[in-house]
Amino acid sequence: MITSSSVEEASLVAEARDSALICTQGHVITRWMAYSPHGDRRFCEECGSPTLSSCPSCGAPIPSDAGNYAYRPPRFCRACGAPYPWTEAAIAAAHAYADTLHRLSRQERELLKGAITDLVRDDAGRQGAALRYRALVAKAGGAAWDVFHDILVNVVSEAIRRSLYGA
């Protein structure tokens, strides 16, 4: 007899088999572990970081996207909502860089860090966060725009990416 729990269990097994393998810095090793000869890699060939196929917080598989050839690693776990390590690393790197921008006051640096976190989370305050981010990064001047772009481009949503960077 098929029960809802057996259907759910079968779905979880299929999902785990089709999970992606990504290093803790966000490099995609493979989108389809079940079909890849790279599915057993323990470390990333690009940066040497450990790889994972499930959420470190709850153990849920990292979803693959078999139909999307422009696959981007998810930013947050869809099972528990925790940020993946690459998301945490990008936020930390952006916050650390913000702390070096001495053209901004301490209060402005804190506002910029808050805007960065809001942009990555893509919550209801994202429009205000985008305005604060643009204004403060422009005030910081120098290479700030390019440095933040390089740090954040892979951990903000497509809509935020287009809004901030035009691509």
N, C-alpha and C. Protein backbone atom coordinates (compact mmCIF):
# COMPACT_ATOMS: atom_id res chain seq x y z
N MET A 1 0.83 -1.18 0.00
CA MET A 1 0.00 0.00 0.00
C MET A 1 0.89 1.25 0.00
N ILE A 2 0.58 2.19 -0.85
CA ILE A 2 1.35 3.43 -0.95
C ILE A 2 0.78 4.42 0.05
N THR A 3 1.64 4.92 0.90
CA THR A 3 1.23 5.91 1.88
C THR A 3 1.93 7.23 1.58
N SER A 4 1.44 8.28 2.20
CA SER A 4 2.08 9.58 1.97
C SER A 4 3.52 9.57 2.47
N SER A 5 3.81 8.83 3.55
CA SER A 5 5.18 8.80 4.04
C SER A 5 6.10 8.03 3.10
N SER A 6 5.58 6.96 2.44
CA SER A 6 6.43 6.22 1.50
C SER A 6 6.70 7.04 0.24
N VAL A 7 5.73 7.82 -0.19
CA VAL A 7 5.93 8.71 -1.34
C VAL A 7 6.94 9.78 -0.98
N GLU A 8 6.80 10.35 0.22
CA GLU A 8 7.74 11.38 0.68
C GLU A 8 9.15 10.81 0.80
N GLU A 9 9.27 9.60 1.33
CA GLU A 9 10.57 8.96 1.47
C GLU A 9 11.21 8.71 0.11
N ALA A 10 10.43 8.23 -0.85
CA ALA A 10 10.94 7.98 -2.20
C ALA A 10 11.39 9.28 -2.85
N SER A 11 10.65 10.35 -2.60
CA SER A 11 11.02 11.66 -3.15
C SER A 11 12.35 12.13 -2.56
N LEU A 12 12.54 11.95 -1.25
CA LEU A 12 13.79 12.36 -0.61
C LEU A 12 14.98 11.55 -1.12
N VAL A 13 14.78 10.27 -1.37
CA VAL A 13 15.85 9.43 -1.90
C VAL A 13 16.23 9.90 -3.30
N ALA A 14 15.23 10.16 -4.14
CA ALA A 14 15.51 10.65 -5.50
C ALA A 14 16.20 12.00 -5.46
N GLU A 15 15.77 12.87 -4.56
CA GLU A 15 16.35 14.19 -4.43
C GLU A 15 17.81 14.10 -3.99
N ALA A 16 18.09 13.22 -3.04
CA ALA A 16 19.46 13.05 -2.56
C ALA A 16 20.36 12.53 -3.68
N ARG A 17 19.85 11.62 -4.49
CA ARG A 17 20.62 11.06 -5.59
C ARG A 17 20.91 12.13 -6.64
N ASP A 18 20.01 13.06 -6.82
CA ASP A 18 20.16 14.10 -7.83
C ASP A 18 20.69 15.41 -7.25
N SER A 19 21.33 15.34 -6.09
CA SER A 19 21.83 16.57 -5.48
C SER A 19 23.08 17.06 -6.20
N ALA A 20 23.37 18.32 -5.98
CA ALA A 20 24.57 18.93 -6.54
C ALA A 20 25.72 18.76 -5.56
N LEU A 21 26.94 18.83 -6.07
CA LEU A 21 28.14 18.79 -5.25
C LEU A 21 28.85 20.13 -5.45
N ILE A 22 29.02 20.86 -4.37
CA ILE A 22 29.54 22.23 -4.42
C ILE A 22 30.57 22.39 -3.31
N CYS A 23 31.64 23.12 -3.59
CA CYS A 23 32.63 23.33 -2.53
C CYS A 23 32.14 24.44 -1.61
N THR A 24 32.75 24.54 -0.47
CA THR A 24 32.30 25.51 0.53
C THR A 24 32.52 26.96 0.10
N GLN A 25 33.27 27.18 -1.00
CA GLN A 25 33.45 28.52 -1.54
C GLN A 25 32.47 28.82 -2.68
N GLY A 26 31.65 27.81 -3.06
CA GLY A 26 30.62 28.01 -4.07
C GLY A 26 30.95 27.52 -5.46
N HIS A 27 32.09 26.87 -5.65
CA HIS A 27 32.41 26.31 -6.98
C HIS A 27 31.59 25.04 -7.20
N VAL A 28 30.89 24.99 -8.32
CA VAL A 28 30.07 23.82 -8.63
C VAL A 28 30.97 22.72 -9.17
N ILE A 29 30.98 21.57 -8.48
CA ILE A 29 31.75 20.42 -8.92
C ILE A 29 30.90 19.65 -9.93
N THR A 30 29.66 19.39 -9.57
CA THR A 30 28.70 18.79 -10.49
C THR A 30 27.28 19.13 -10.04
N ARG A 31 26.41 19.29 -11.01
CA ARG A 31 25.00 19.56 -10.70
C ARG A 31 24.22 18.28 -10.50
N TRP A 32 24.76 17.16 -10.96
CA TRP A 32 24.04 15.89 -10.90
C TRP A 32 24.96 14.79 -10.39
N MET A 33 25.02 14.64 -9.08
CA MET A 33 25.93 13.65 -8.50
C MET A 33 25.67 12.23 -9.02
N ALA A 34 24.40 11.90 -9.25
CA ALA A 34 24.07 10.54 -9.66
C ALA A 34 24.63 10.20 -11.04
N TYR A 35 24.89 11.21 -11.86
CA TYR A 35 25.31 10.97 -13.24
C TYR A 35 26.73 11.43 -13.51
N SER A 36 27.45 11.83 -12.49
CA SER A 36 28.76 12.43 -12.71
C SER A 36 29.89 11.57 -12.16
N PRO A 37 30.99 11.49 -12.91
CA PRO A 37 32.16 10.80 -12.38
C PRO A 37 32.86 11.63 -11.29
N HIS A 38 32.42 12.88 -11.12
CA HIS A 38 33.03 13.77 -10.13
C HIS A 38 32.28 13.76 -8.80
N GLY A 39 31.25 12.94 -8.70
CA GLY A 39 30.39 12.95 -7.52
C GLY A 39 31.05 12.53 -6.23
N ASP A 40 32.24 11.95 -6.30
CA ASP A 40 32.90 11.51 -5.07
C ASP A 40 34.07 12.42 -4.67
N ARG A 41 34.19 13.56 -5.31
CA ARG A 41 35.29 14.48 -4.98
C ARG A 41 35.08 15.06 -3.59
N ARG A 42 36.09 14.98 -2.78
CA ARG A 42 36.01 15.51 -1.42
C ARG A 42 36.51 16.94 -1.32
N PHE A 43 37.31 17.36 -2.31
CA PHE A 43 37.86 18.70 -2.29
C PHE A 43 37.75 19.32 -3.68
N CYS A 44 37.68 20.63 -3.71
CA CYS A 44 37.55 21.38 -4.95
C CYS A 44 38.90 21.48 -5.66
N GLU A 45 38.89 21.25 -6.96
CA GLU A 45 40.12 21.39 -7.75
C GLU A 45 40.51 22.84 -7.98
N GLU A 46 39.55 23.76 -7.85
CA GLU A 46 39.85 25.18 -8.07
C GLU A 46 40.47 25.86 -6.87
N CYS A 47 39.97 25.50 -5.66
CA CYS A 47 40.44 26.23 -4.48
C CYS A 47 40.87 25.33 -3.32
N GLY A 48 40.64 24.04 -3.42
CA GLY A 48 41.05 23.12 -2.37
C GLY A 48 40.09 23.00 -1.20
N SER A 49 38.98 23.72 -1.26
CA SER A 49 38.01 23.68 -0.16
C SER A 49 37.24 22.36 -0.16
N PRO A 50 36.75 21.94 1.01
CA PRO A 50 35.93 20.73 1.07
C PRO A 50 34.65 20.89 0.25
N THR A 51 34.13 19.77 -0.23
CA THR A 51 32.88 19.80 -0.98
C THR A 51 31.74 19.29 -0.11
N LEU A 52 30.53 19.64 -0.50
CA LEU A 52 29.36 19.13 0.20
C LEU A 52 28.21 18.96 -0.77
N SER A 53 27.33 18.01 -0.45
CA SER A 53 26.15 17.75 -1.26
C SER A 53 24.88 17.92 -0.44
N SER A 54 25.06 18.31 0.82
CA SER A 54 23.90 18.52 1.68
C SER A 54 24.15 19.71 2.60
N CYS A 55 23.09 20.24 3.13
CA CYS A 55 23.16 21.40 4.02
C CYS A 55 23.90 21.03 5.30
N PRO A 56 24.92 21.80 5.68
CA PRO A 56 25.63 21.51 6.92
C PRO A 56 24.75 21.68 8.16
N SER A 57 23.68 22.48 8.04
CA SER A 57 22.82 22.73 9.20
C SER A 57 21.79 21.64 9.43
N CYS A 58 21.17 21.13 8.34
CA CYS A 58 20.07 20.18 8.52
C CYS A 58 20.25 18.87 7.76
N GLY A 59 21.22 18.80 6.86
CA GLY A 59 21.47 17.57 6.12
C GLY A 59 20.64 17.39 4.86
N ALA A 60 19.79 18.35 4.54
CA ALA A 60 18.98 18.25 3.31
C ALA A 60 19.89 18.35 2.09
N PRO A 61 19.60 17.56 1.04
CA PRO A 61 20.43 17.61 -0.17
C PRO A 61 20.41 19.00 -0.81
N ILE A 62 21.54 19.39 -1.38
CA ILE A 62 21.60 20.63 -2.15
C ILE A 62 20.93 20.35 -3.48
N PRO A 63 19.87 21.08 -3.81
CA PRO A 63 19.13 20.76 -5.04
C PRO A 63 19.96 20.94 -6.31
N SER A 64 19.79 19.98 -7.20
CA SER A 64 20.39 20.12 -8.53
C SER A 64 19.35 20.79 -9.40
N ASP A 65 19.76 21.16 -10.57
CA ASP A 65 18.82 21.78 -11.50
C ASP A 65 19.14 21.24 -12.88
N ALA A 66 18.66 20.03 -13.13
CA ALA A 66 18.99 19.32 -14.37
C ALA A 66 18.59 20.07 -15.62
N GLY A 67 17.56 20.89 -15.55
CA GLY A 67 17.09 21.57 -16.75
C GLY A 67 17.70 22.95 -16.95
N ASN A 68 18.55 23.39 -16.06
CA ASN A 68 19.08 24.74 -16.14
C ASN A 68 20.59 24.67 -16.38
N TYR A 69 21.01 25.05 -17.56
CA TYR A 69 22.44 24.99 -17.89
C TYR A 69 23.23 26.17 -17.34
N ALA A 70 22.52 27.16 -16.81
CA ALA A 70 23.18 28.29 -16.16
C ALA A 70 23.02 28.14 -14.65
N TYR A 71 23.23 26.94 -14.15
CA TYR A 71 23.02 26.62 -12.73
C TYR A 71 23.89 27.49 -11.84
N ARG A 72 23.26 28.04 -10.83
CA ARG A 72 23.95 28.78 -9.78
C ARG A 72 23.64 28.07 -8.47
N PRO A 73 24.61 27.90 -7.62
CA PRO A 73 24.33 27.27 -6.33
C PRO A 73 23.30 28.08 -5.56
N PRO A 74 22.40 27.41 -4.87
CA PRO A 74 21.42 28.16 -4.07
C PRO A 74 22.14 28.90 -2.94
N ARG A 75 21.55 29.99 -2.50
CA ARG A 75 22.16 30.79 -1.44
C ARG A 75 21.78 30.30 -0.06
N PHE A 76 20.55 29.77 0.04
CA PHE A 76 20.02 29.34 1.33
C PHE A 76 19.39 27.96 1.18
N CYS A 77 19.41 27.19 2.25
CA CYS A 77 18.81 25.85 2.24
C CYS A 77 17.29 25.98 2.18
N ARG A 78 16.68 25.24 1.28
CA ARG A 78 15.23 25.31 1.17
C ARG A 78 14.52 24.51 2.26
N ALA A 79 15.27 23.69 3.00
CA ALA A 79 14.66 22.90 4.07
C ALA A 79 14.68 23.64 5.41
N CYS A 80 15.80 24.32 5.72
CA CYS A 80 15.90 24.98 7.03
C CYS A 80 16.13 26.49 6.94
N GLY A 81 16.43 27.01 5.75
CA GLY A 81 16.64 28.45 5.57
C GLY A 81 18.02 28.96 5.92
N ALA A 82 18.91 28.08 6.35
CA ALA A 82 20.26 28.51 6.71
C ALA A 82 21.05 28.89 5.45
N PRO A 83 21.92 29.89 5.57
CA PRO A 83 22.78 30.21 4.42
C PRO A 83 23.80 29.11 4.22
N TYR A 84 24.09 28.81 2.96
CA TYR A 84 25.14 27.84 2.66
C TYR A 84 26.50 28.49 2.95
N PRO A 85 27.56 27.70 3.11
CA PRO A 85 28.87 28.27 3.45
C PRO A 85 29.36 29.34 2.48
N TRP A 86 29.11 29.18 1.18
CA TRP A 86 29.57 30.17 0.20
C TRP A 86 28.82 31.48 0.37
N THR A 87 27.58 31.43 0.80
CA THR A 87 26.82 32.65 1.06
C THR A 87 27.39 33.35 2.28
N GLU A 88 27.61 32.59 3.34
CA GLU A 88 28.21 33.16 4.55
C GLU A 88 29.58 33.76 4.26
N ALA A 89 30.39 33.06 3.46
CA ALA A 89 31.73 33.54 3.14
C ALA A 89 31.68 34.85 2.35
N ALA A 90 30.76 34.96 1.41
CA ALA A 90 30.65 36.19 0.61
C ALA A 90 30.19 37.35 1.48
N ILE A 91 29.22 37.12 2.34
CA ILE A 91 28.76 38.19 3.24
C ILE A 91 29.90 38.62 4.15
N ALA A 92 30.63 37.67 4.71
CA ALA A 92 31.75 37.99 5.60
C ALA A 92 32.83 38.77 4.85
N ALA A 93 33.15 38.36 3.62
CA ALA A 93 34.16 39.06 2.83
C ALA A 93 33.71 40.48 2.50
N ALA A 94 32.45 40.64 2.15
CA ALA A 94 31.93 41.98 1.84
C ALA A 94 31.93 42.86 3.08
N HIS A 95 31.55 42.30 4.22
CA HIS A 95 31.58 43.07 5.47
C HIS A 95 33.01 43.46 5.83
N ALA A 96 33.94 42.53 5.67
CA ALA A 96 35.34 42.83 5.98
C ALA A 96 35.87 43.94 5.07
N TYR A 97 35.51 43.87 3.79
CA TYR A 97 35.96 44.92 2.86
C TYR A 97 35.32 46.25 3.23
N ALA A 98 34.05 46.24 3.59
CA ALA A 98 33.36 47.48 3.99
C ALA A 98 34.09 48.15 5.15
N ASP A 99 34.62 47.35 6.06
CA ASP A 99 35.35 47.90 7.20
C ASP A 99 36.63 48.62 6.81
N THR A 100 37.13 48.38 5.60
CA THR A 100 38.36 49.04 5.15
C THR A 100 38.09 50.36 4.42
N LEU A 101 36.84 50.69 4.20
CA LEU A 101 36.50 51.88 3.41
C LEU A 101 36.47 53.11 4.31
N HIS A 102 37.62 53.73 4.47
CA HIS A 102 37.77 54.83 5.42
C HIS A 102 37.23 56.16 4.92
N ARG A 103 36.78 56.21 3.68
CA ARG A 103 36.08 57.42 3.22
C ARG A 103 34.67 57.47 3.82
N LEU A 104 34.23 56.32 4.33
CA LEU A 104 32.92 56.25 4.98
C LEU A 104 33.10 56.33 6.49
N SER A 105 32.14 56.98 7.15
CA SER A 105 32.18 57.01 8.61
C SER A 105 31.87 55.61 9.15
N ARG A 106 32.12 55.41 10.42
CA ARG A 106 31.82 54.12 11.05
C ARG A 106 30.34 53.77 10.88
N GLN A 107 29.48 54.76 11.09
CA GLN A 107 28.03 54.55 10.94
C GLN A 107 27.68 54.18 9.50
N GLU A 108 28.31 54.84 8.53
CA GLU A 108 28.05 54.52 7.12
C GLU A 108 28.53 53.11 6.78
N ARG A 109 29.68 52.72 7.33
CA ARG A 109 30.16 51.34 7.09
C ARG A 109 29.17 50.32 7.64
N GLU A 110 28.61 50.60 8.81
CA GLU A 110 27.61 49.69 9.39
C GLU A 110 26.34 49.66 8.53
N LEU A 111 25.93 50.83 8.03
CA LEU A 111 24.76 50.87 7.13
C LEU A 111 25.03 50.07 5.85
N LEU A 112 26.24 50.20 5.32
CA LEU A 112 26.61 49.45 4.12
C LEU A 112 26.58 47.95 4.38
N LYS A 113 27.11 47.52 5.52
CA LYS A 113 27.09 46.08 5.85
C LYS A 113 25.65 45.58 5.99
N GLY A 114 24.79 46.39 6.59
CA GLY A 114 23.38 46.01 6.70
C GLY A 114 22.72 45.91 5.33
N ALA A 115 23.04 46.85 4.44
CA ALA A 115 22.49 46.82 3.08
C ALA A 115 22.96 45.58 2.34
N ILE A 116 24.21 45.22 2.50
CA ILE A 116 24.75 44.02 1.84
C ILE A 116 24.00 42.78 2.30
N THR A 117 23.82 42.65 3.60
CA THR A 117 23.09 41.49 4.13
C THR A 117 21.67 41.46 3.59
N ASP A 118 21.01 42.61 3.56
CA ASP A 118 19.63 42.68 3.04
C ASP A 118 19.58 42.32 1.55
N LEU A 119 20.57 42.74 0.78
CA LEU A 119 20.59 42.42 -0.65
C LEU A 119 20.77 40.92 -0.87
N VAL A 120 21.62 40.30 -0.10
CA VAL A 120 21.82 38.86 -0.25
C VAL A 120 20.57 38.10 0.16
N ARG A 121 19.92 38.54 1.22
CA ARG A 121 18.69 37.89 1.69
C ARG A 121 17.52 38.16 0.75
N ASP A 122 17.59 39.23 -0.03
CA ASP A 122 16.54 39.56 -1.00
C ASP A 122 15.17 39.62 -0.34
N ASP A 123 15.10 40.33 0.79
CA ASP A 123 13.84 40.43 1.51
C ASP A 123 13.07 41.67 1.09
N ALA A 124 12.02 41.98 1.82
CA ALA A 124 11.14 43.09 1.46
C ALA A 124 11.86 44.44 1.43
N GLY A 125 12.94 44.59 2.16
CA GLY A 125 13.66 45.85 2.20
C GLY A 125 14.72 46.01 1.13
N ARG A 126 14.69 45.16 0.11
CA ARG A 126 15.77 45.16 -0.87
C ARG A 126 15.88 46.45 -1.68
N GLN A 127 14.77 47.13 -1.94
CA GLN A 127 14.85 48.37 -2.72
C GLN A 127 15.58 49.46 -1.95
N GLY A 128 15.23 49.60 -0.68
CA GLY A 128 15.94 50.57 0.17
C GLY A 128 17.40 50.17 0.35
N ALA A 129 17.64 48.88 0.48
CA ALA A 129 19.01 48.39 0.63
C ALA A 129 19.82 48.69 -0.63
N ALA A 130 19.21 48.53 -1.79
CA ALA A 130 19.91 48.81 -3.05
C ALA A 130 20.26 50.29 -3.15
N LEU A 131 19.35 51.16 -2.73
CA LEU A 131 19.63 52.60 -2.75
C LEU A 131 20.78 52.95 -1.80
N ARG A 132 20.74 52.41 -0.58
CA ARG A 132 21.82 52.66 0.39
C ARG A 132 23.14 52.13 -0.13
N TYR A 133 23.11 50.92 -0.67
CA TYR A 133 24.32 50.29 -1.20
C TYR A 133 24.94 51.15 -2.29
N ARG A 134 24.14 51.56 -3.28
CA ARG A 134 24.66 52.39 -4.39
C ARG A 134 25.28 53.68 -3.88
N ALA A 135 24.55 54.37 -2.99
CA ALA A 135 25.03 55.66 -2.49
C ALA A 135 26.32 55.52 -1.69
N LEU A 136 26.36 54.53 -0.83
CA LEU A 136 27.54 54.36 0.02
C LEU A 136 28.75 53.85 -0.75
N VAL A 137 28.54 52.95 -1.69
CA VAL A 137 29.67 52.46 -2.50
C VAL A 137 30.19 53.59 -3.39
N ALA A 138 29.29 54.41 -3.92
CA ALA A 138 29.73 55.56 -4.72
C ALA A 138 30.54 56.53 -3.86
N LYS A 139 30.09 56.77 -2.64
CA LYS A 139 30.83 57.66 -1.75
C LYS A 139 32.20 57.08 -1.39
N ALA A 140 32.27 55.76 -1.23
CA ALA A 140 33.54 55.11 -0.91
C ALA A 140 34.54 55.28 -2.03
N GLY A 141 34.03 55.31 -3.27
CA GLY A 141 34.89 55.56 -4.43
C GLY A 141 35.92 54.48 -4.68
N GLY A 142 36.90 54.83 -5.48
CA GLY A 142 37.98 53.91 -5.81
C GLY A 142 37.47 52.64 -6.45
N ALA A 143 38.03 51.54 -6.06
CA ALA A 143 37.70 50.24 -6.65
C ALA A 143 36.55 49.56 -5.93
N ALA A 144 35.89 50.24 -5.00
CA ALA A 144 34.86 49.61 -4.17
C ALA A 144 33.78 48.94 -5.01
N TRP A 145 33.32 49.61 -6.03
CA TRP A 145 32.24 49.04 -6.87
C TRP A 145 32.67 47.69 -7.45
N ASP A 146 33.85 47.64 -8.03
CA ASP A 146 34.35 46.40 -8.65
C ASP A 146 34.61 45.30 -7.62
N VAL A 147 35.17 45.67 -6.49
CA VAL A 147 35.46 44.67 -5.45
C VAL A 147 34.17 44.07 -4.93
N PHE A 148 33.19 44.90 -4.61
CA PHE A 148 31.91 44.37 -4.13
C PHE A 148 31.23 43.53 -5.21
N HIS A 149 31.30 43.97 -6.44
CA HIS A 149 30.72 43.17 -7.53
C HIS A 149 31.31 41.77 -7.53
N ASP A 150 32.62 41.68 -7.48
CA ASP A 150 33.29 40.37 -7.52
C ASP A 150 32.91 39.50 -6.33
N ILE A 151 32.72 40.11 -5.17
CA ILE A 151 32.35 39.34 -3.98
C ILE A 151 30.90 38.89 -4.04
N LEU A 152 30.01 39.77 -4.47
CA LEU A 152 28.57 39.53 -4.32
C LEU A 152 27.86 38.96 -5.54
N VAL A 153 28.44 39.04 -6.71
CA VAL A 153 27.72 38.71 -7.94
C VAL A 153 27.08 37.32 -7.92
N ASN A 154 27.69 36.37 -7.25
CA ASN A 154 27.14 35.02 -7.25
C ASN A 154 26.23 34.71 -6.07
N VAL A 155 26.04 35.67 -5.16
CA VAL A 155 25.18 35.40 -4.01
C VAL A 155 24.01 36.37 -3.87
N VAL A 156 23.77 37.17 -4.89
CA VAL A 156 22.55 37.98 -4.91
C VAL A 156 21.63 37.42 -5.99
N SER A 157 20.35 37.69 -5.86
CA SER A 157 19.39 37.17 -6.83
C SER A 157 19.60 37.80 -8.20
N GLU A 158 19.03 37.18 -9.19
CA GLU A 158 19.13 37.71 -10.56
C GLU A 158 18.57 39.13 -10.65
N ALA A 159 17.44 39.37 -9.98
CA ALA A 159 16.83 40.71 -10.01
C ALA A 159 17.74 41.75 -9.37
N ILE A 160 18.33 41.43 -8.25
CA ILE A 160 19.26 42.36 -7.59
C ILE A 160 20.49 42.57 -8.46
N ARG A 161 20.99 41.50 -9.03
CA ARG A 161 22.18 41.59 -9.90
C ARG A 161 21.91 42.56 -11.05
N ARG A 162 20.77 42.40 -11.71
CA ARG A 162 20.42 43.31 -12.82
C ARG A 162 20.25 44.73 -12.34
N SER A 163 19.61 44.89 -11.18
CA SER A 163 19.37 46.22 -10.63
C SER A 163 20.68 46.94 -10.29
N LEU A 164 21.61 46.22 -9.71
CA LEU A 164 22.87 46.84 -9.29
C LEU A 164 23.90 46.94 -10.40
N TYR A 165 24.02 45.87 -11.18
CA TYR A 165 25.14 45.77 -12.11
C TYR A 165 24.72 45.76 -13.58
N GLY A 166 23.44 45.72 -13.84
CA GLY A 166 22.95 45.76 -15.21
C GLY A 166 23.13 44.48 -15.98
N ALA A 167 23.58 43.41 -15.36
CA ALA A 167 23.75 42.15 -16.08
C ALA A 167 23.51 40.97 -15.17
